[in-house]
Amino acid sequence: MSSDVQSDSAGTAYREGRSAGLAVGALAVSLVAFLSLLGIEKAVLALVLAVLAIRGVANGVRARRLAIAAIVIACIYAATYVVVVALYHDKIGELIRMLHQLG
């Protein structure tokens, strides 16, 4: 009986540790995405990590709060990225053509 309790608590600790690690990773990647422009793939990676961190975690756990913060930051970045590309698509195309001529 006591080995069942130990294995259950060890499994719970493992899941919580895994979720906390994923949540911290998601938060870090979402912040990096926000700091380096044109990094939409980092925002997508942050969303994936955050969703993985949230799965199976109880409400109020620190990992869940960190994962939600990562989702919010990544979504804000993705929305900003889409707006900037929509507003300046002609200038971005011109910049790409100029860079292509240089290279």
N, C-alpha and C. Protein backbone atom coordinates (compact mmCIF):
# COMPACT_ATOMS: atom_id res chain seq x y z
N MET A 1 0.82 -1.18 0.00
CA MET A 1 0.00 0.00 0.00
C MET A 1 0.86 1.25 0.00
N SER A 2 1.92 1.28 0.81
CA SER A 2 2.75 2.48 0.88
C SER A 2 3.52 2.69 -0.42
N SER A 3 3.86 1.61 -1.15
CA SER A 3 4.55 1.78 -2.43
C SER A 3 3.62 2.39 -3.47
N ASP A 4 2.30 2.10 -3.39
CA ASP A 4 1.35 2.72 -4.29
C ASP A 4 1.27 4.21 -4.04
N VAL A 5 1.28 4.61 -2.79
CA VAL A 5 1.23 6.03 -2.44
C VAL A 5 2.49 6.73 -2.91
N GLN A 6 3.65 6.07 -2.73
CA GLN A 6 4.91 6.66 -3.17
C GLN A 6 4.94 6.81 -4.68
N SER A 7 4.52 5.80 -5.41
CA SER A 7 4.55 5.88 -6.86
C SER A 7 3.56 6.92 -7.37
N ASP A 8 2.41 7.04 -6.69
CA ASP A 8 1.44 8.05 -7.09
C ASP A 8 1.97 9.45 -6.84
N SER A 9 2.59 9.67 -5.68
CA SER A 9 3.14 11.00 -5.39
C SER A 9 4.34 11.30 -6.28
N ALA A 10 5.12 10.27 -6.61
CA ALA A 10 6.25 10.48 -7.53
C ALA A 10 5.74 10.82 -8.93
N GLY A 11 4.68 10.16 -9.35
CA GLY A 11 4.08 10.47 -10.66
C GLY A 11 3.51 11.87 -10.69
N THR A 12 2.87 12.28 -9.62
CA THR A 12 2.32 13.63 -9.55
C THR A 12 3.44 14.66 -9.57
N ALA A 13 4.49 14.41 -8.81
CA ALA A 13 5.63 15.33 -8.80
C ALA A 13 6.28 15.41 -10.17
N TYR A 14 6.38 14.28 -10.86
CA TYR A 14 6.96 14.27 -12.20
C TYR A 14 6.11 15.11 -13.16
N ARG A 15 4.79 14.90 -13.14
CA ARG A 15 3.90 15.65 -14.03
C ARG A 15 3.95 17.14 -13.73
N GLU A 16 3.96 17.51 -12.45
CA GLU A 16 4.02 18.93 -12.09
C GLU A 16 5.35 19.55 -12.50
N GLY A 17 6.43 18.81 -12.32
CA GLY A 17 7.75 19.30 -12.73
C GLY A 17 7.85 19.46 -14.23
N ARG A 18 7.30 18.51 -14.95
CA ARG A 18 7.30 18.57 -16.41
C ARG A 18 6.50 19.76 -16.88
N SER A 19 5.32 19.96 -16.29
CA SER A 19 4.48 21.09 -16.66
C SER A 19 5.15 22.41 -16.34
N ALA A 20 5.81 22.48 -15.18
CA ALA A 20 6.51 23.71 -14.81
C ALA A 20 7.64 24.00 -15.80
N GLY A 21 8.37 22.99 -16.19
CA GLY A 21 9.44 23.18 -17.16
C GLY A 21 8.92 23.64 -18.50
N LEU A 22 7.86 23.02 -18.96
CA LEU A 22 7.25 23.44 -20.23
C LEU A 22 6.73 24.87 -20.14
N ALA A 23 6.12 25.21 -19.02
CA ALA A 23 5.57 26.56 -18.86
C ALA A 23 6.67 27.62 -18.86
N VAL A 24 7.75 27.35 -18.16
CA VAL A 24 8.87 28.30 -18.14
C VAL A 24 9.48 28.42 -19.54
N GLY A 25 9.61 27.30 -20.22
CA GLY A 25 10.12 27.32 -21.59
C GLY A 25 9.20 28.11 -22.52
N ALA A 26 7.91 27.92 -22.37
CA ALA A 26 6.94 28.64 -23.20
C ALA A 26 7.02 30.14 -22.94
N LEU A 27 7.12 30.52 -21.67
CA LEU A 27 7.22 31.94 -21.33
C LEU A 27 8.50 32.54 -21.90
N ALA A 28 9.60 31.83 -21.77
CA ALA A 28 10.88 32.33 -22.30
C ALA A 28 10.83 32.49 -23.81
N VAL A 29 10.28 31.50 -24.51
CA VAL A 29 10.22 31.56 -25.97
C VAL A 29 9.27 32.67 -26.41
N SER A 30 8.17 32.87 -25.71
CA SER A 30 7.24 33.94 -26.10
C SER A 30 7.89 35.30 -25.91
N LEU A 31 8.67 35.47 -24.87
CA LEU A 31 9.37 36.74 -24.67
C LEU A 31 10.44 36.95 -25.74
N VAL A 32 11.16 35.90 -26.09
CA VAL A 32 12.17 36.00 -27.14
C VAL A 32 11.50 36.34 -28.48
N ALA A 33 10.36 35.74 -28.75
CA ALA A 33 9.63 36.05 -29.99
C ALA A 33 9.24 37.51 -30.02
N PHE A 34 8.85 38.05 -28.90
CA PHE A 34 8.42 39.44 -28.85
C PHE A 34 9.61 40.38 -29.03
N LEU A 35 10.79 39.96 -28.61
CA LEU A 35 11.97 40.81 -28.71
C LEU A 35 12.61 40.79 -30.09
N SER A 36 12.54 39.68 -30.81
CA SER A 36 13.13 39.62 -32.14
C SER A 36 12.01 39.66 -33.17
N LEU A 37 11.99 40.70 -33.95
CA LEU A 37 10.93 40.86 -34.94
C LEU A 37 11.03 39.78 -36.01
N LEU A 38 9.93 39.53 -36.67
CA LEU A 38 9.80 38.53 -37.73
C LEU A 38 10.12 37.13 -37.22
N GLY A 39 9.73 36.84 -35.98
CA GLY A 39 9.96 35.53 -35.41
C GLY A 39 8.66 34.83 -35.07
N ILE A 40 7.75 34.77 -36.01
CA ILE A 40 6.42 34.20 -35.75
C ILE A 40 6.52 32.72 -35.38
N GLU A 41 7.56 32.04 -35.86
CA GLU A 41 7.70 30.62 -35.52
C GLU A 41 7.98 30.44 -34.04
N LYS A 42 8.63 31.41 -33.42
CA LYS A 42 8.87 31.33 -31.98
C LYS A 42 7.57 31.49 -31.20
N ALA A 43 6.68 32.33 -31.68
CA ALA A 43 5.39 32.51 -31.02
C ALA A 43 4.56 31.22 -31.12
N VAL A 44 4.62 30.57 -32.27
CA VAL A 44 3.90 29.30 -32.44
C VAL A 44 4.48 28.24 -31.51
N LEU A 45 5.80 28.17 -31.41
CA LEU A 45 6.44 27.23 -30.50
C LEU A 45 6.04 27.51 -29.05
N ALA A 46 5.98 28.78 -28.68
CA ALA A 46 5.56 29.13 -27.32
C ALA A 46 4.13 28.69 -27.05
N LEU A 47 3.25 28.85 -28.04
CA LEU A 47 1.87 28.40 -27.88
C LEU A 47 1.80 26.89 -27.68
N VAL A 48 2.56 26.15 -28.47
CA VAL A 48 2.55 24.69 -28.36
C VAL A 48 3.06 24.26 -26.98
N LEU A 49 4.18 24.85 -26.55
CA LEU A 49 4.72 24.50 -25.23
C LEU A 49 3.75 24.85 -24.11
N ALA A 50 3.09 25.99 -24.23
CA ALA A 50 2.14 26.42 -23.20
C ALA A 50 0.94 25.48 -23.13
N VAL A 51 0.44 25.07 -24.27
CA VAL A 51 -0.69 24.14 -24.28
C VAL A 51 -0.28 22.81 -23.67
N LEU A 52 0.92 22.34 -23.99
CA LEU A 52 1.41 21.10 -23.37
C LEU A 52 1.56 21.24 -21.87
N ALA A 53 1.98 22.42 -21.42
CA ALA A 53 2.16 22.66 -19.99
C ALA A 53 0.82 22.70 -19.26
N ILE A 54 -0.20 23.23 -19.91
CA ILE A 54 -1.52 23.38 -19.26
C ILE A 54 -2.23 22.03 -19.13
N ARG A 55 -2.00 21.14 -20.09
CA ARG A 55 -2.70 19.86 -20.06
C ARG A 55 -2.44 19.11 -18.76
N GLY A 56 -3.48 18.79 -18.07
CA GLY A 56 -3.38 17.98 -16.87
C GLY A 56 -2.91 18.70 -15.63
N VAL A 57 -2.88 20.01 -15.64
CA VAL A 57 -2.44 20.77 -14.47
C VAL A 57 -3.66 21.40 -13.83
N ALA A 58 -3.72 21.34 -12.51
CA ALA A 58 -4.86 21.90 -11.78
C ALA A 58 -4.82 23.42 -11.82
N ASN A 59 -5.99 24.02 -11.62
CA ASN A 59 -6.08 25.48 -11.55
C ASN A 59 -5.28 26.00 -10.37
N GLY A 60 -4.69 27.18 -10.53
CA GLY A 60 -3.96 27.80 -9.43
C GLY A 60 -2.52 27.36 -9.30
N VAL A 61 -2.11 26.36 -10.06
CA VAL A 61 -0.72 25.90 -10.01
C VAL A 61 0.13 26.92 -10.78
N ARG A 62 1.33 27.16 -10.27
CA ARG A 62 2.20 28.18 -10.87
C ARG A 62 2.47 27.89 -12.35
N ALA A 63 2.66 26.64 -12.69
CA ALA A 63 2.92 26.28 -14.09
C ALA A 63 1.78 26.72 -14.99
N ARG A 64 0.56 26.57 -14.52
CA ARG A 64 -0.60 26.97 -15.32
C ARG A 64 -0.62 28.48 -15.54
N ARG A 65 -0.30 29.23 -14.49
CA ARG A 65 -0.27 30.69 -14.62
C ARG A 65 0.82 31.14 -15.58
N LEU A 66 1.99 30.51 -15.50
CA LEU A 66 3.07 30.84 -16.42
C LEU A 66 2.70 30.50 -17.86
N ALA A 67 2.06 29.36 -18.05
CA ALA A 67 1.65 28.94 -19.39
C ALA A 67 0.61 29.91 -19.96
N ILE A 68 -0.32 30.34 -19.14
CA ILE A 68 -1.33 31.30 -19.61
C ILE A 68 -0.66 32.62 -19.97
N ALA A 69 0.31 33.06 -19.18
CA ALA A 69 1.05 34.28 -19.51
C ALA A 69 1.77 34.13 -20.85
N ALA A 70 2.35 32.95 -21.08
CA ALA A 70 3.04 32.69 -22.36
C ALA A 70 2.05 32.74 -23.52
N ILE A 71 0.87 32.17 -23.33
CA ILE A 71 -0.14 32.20 -24.39
C ILE A 71 -0.54 33.63 -24.70
N VAL A 72 -0.75 34.43 -23.67
CA VAL A 72 -1.16 35.83 -23.88
C VAL A 72 -0.06 36.59 -24.63
N ILE A 73 1.19 36.45 -24.19
CA ILE A 73 2.29 37.16 -24.85
C ILE A 73 2.45 36.71 -26.30
N ALA A 74 2.38 35.40 -26.53
CA ALA A 74 2.52 34.88 -27.90
C ALA A 74 1.38 35.35 -28.79
N CYS A 75 0.16 35.39 -28.27
CA CYS A 75 -0.98 35.85 -29.07
C CYS A 75 -0.87 37.34 -29.38
N ILE A 76 -0.42 38.13 -28.40
CA ILE A 76 -0.22 39.56 -28.65
C ILE A 76 0.83 39.75 -29.72
N TYR A 77 1.91 38.99 -29.63
CA TYR A 77 2.96 39.10 -30.64
C TYR A 77 2.43 38.69 -32.02
N ALA A 78 1.71 37.58 -32.08
CA ALA A 78 1.19 37.11 -33.37
C ALA A 78 0.24 38.14 -33.98
N ALA A 79 -0.61 38.74 -33.16
CA ALA A 79 -1.53 39.77 -33.66
C ALA A 79 -0.75 40.99 -34.15
N THR A 80 0.27 41.38 -33.41
CA THR A 80 1.10 42.52 -33.82
C THR A 80 1.81 42.21 -35.13
N TYR A 81 2.31 41.01 -35.26
CA TYR A 81 3.00 40.58 -36.47
C TYR A 81 2.06 40.65 -37.68
N VAL A 82 0.85 40.14 -37.52
CA VAL A 82 -0.11 40.14 -38.62
C VAL A 82 -0.47 41.58 -39.02
N VAL A 83 -0.69 42.44 -38.04
CA VAL A 83 -1.04 43.84 -38.33
C VAL A 83 0.12 44.54 -39.05
N VAL A 84 1.34 44.35 -38.58
CA VAL A 84 2.49 45.00 -39.22
C VAL A 84 2.67 44.51 -40.65
N VAL A 85 2.57 43.22 -40.85
CA VAL A 85 2.71 42.67 -42.21
C VAL A 85 1.59 43.16 -43.11
N ALA A 86 0.37 43.25 -42.59
CA ALA A 86 -0.76 43.73 -43.40
C ALA A 86 -0.59 45.21 -43.76
N LEU A 87 -0.12 46.00 -42.81
CA LEU A 87 0.01 47.43 -43.07
C LEU A 87 1.21 47.76 -43.96
N TYR A 88 2.30 47.01 -43.83
CA TYR A 88 3.54 47.35 -44.53
C TYR A 88 3.98 46.28 -45.51
N HIS A 89 3.03 45.51 -46.07
CA HIS A 89 3.43 44.44 -46.97
C HIS A 89 4.16 44.95 -48.21
N ASP A 90 3.77 46.12 -48.74
CA ASP A 90 4.44 46.66 -49.91
C ASP A 90 5.88 47.08 -49.58
N LYS A 91 6.07 47.69 -48.44
CA LYS A 91 7.42 48.10 -48.01
C LYS A 91 8.29 46.88 -47.71
N ILE A 92 7.70 45.85 -47.12
CA ILE A 92 8.45 44.63 -46.83
C ILE A 92 8.88 43.96 -48.12
N GLY A 93 7.97 43.93 -49.11
CA GLY A 93 8.32 43.36 -50.41
C GLY A 93 9.44 44.13 -51.08
N GLU A 94 9.39 45.45 -50.98
CA GLU A 94 10.45 46.29 -51.54
C GLU A 94 11.78 46.04 -50.84
N LEU A 95 11.74 45.93 -49.53
CA LEU A 95 12.95 45.64 -48.75
C LEU A 95 13.54 44.28 -49.15
N ILE A 96 12.70 43.29 -49.33
CA ILE A 96 13.18 41.96 -49.72
C ILE A 96 13.82 42.01 -51.11
N ARG A 97 13.20 42.76 -52.05
CA ARG A 97 13.78 42.88 -53.39
C ARG A 97 15.16 43.57 -53.32
N MET A 98 15.26 44.62 -52.51
CA MET A 98 16.53 45.35 -52.37
C MET A 98 17.60 44.45 -51.75
N LEU A 99 17.23 43.68 -50.74
CA LEU A 99 18.18 42.76 -50.12
C LEU A 99 18.61 41.68 -51.09
N HIS A 100 17.67 41.24 -51.90
CA HIS A 100 18.00 40.19 -52.89
C HIS A 100 18.99 40.74 -53.92
N GLN A 101 18.85 42.01 -54.31
CA GLN A 101 19.77 42.61 -55.26
C GLN A 101 21.17 42.73 -54.66
N LEU A 102 21.24 43.01 -53.36
CA LEU A 102 22.54 43.13 -52.71
C LEU A 102 23.24 41.78 -52.59
N GLY A 103 22.47 40.73 -52.39
CA GLY A 103 23.06 39.40 -52.16
C GLY A 103 23.23 38.68 -53.41
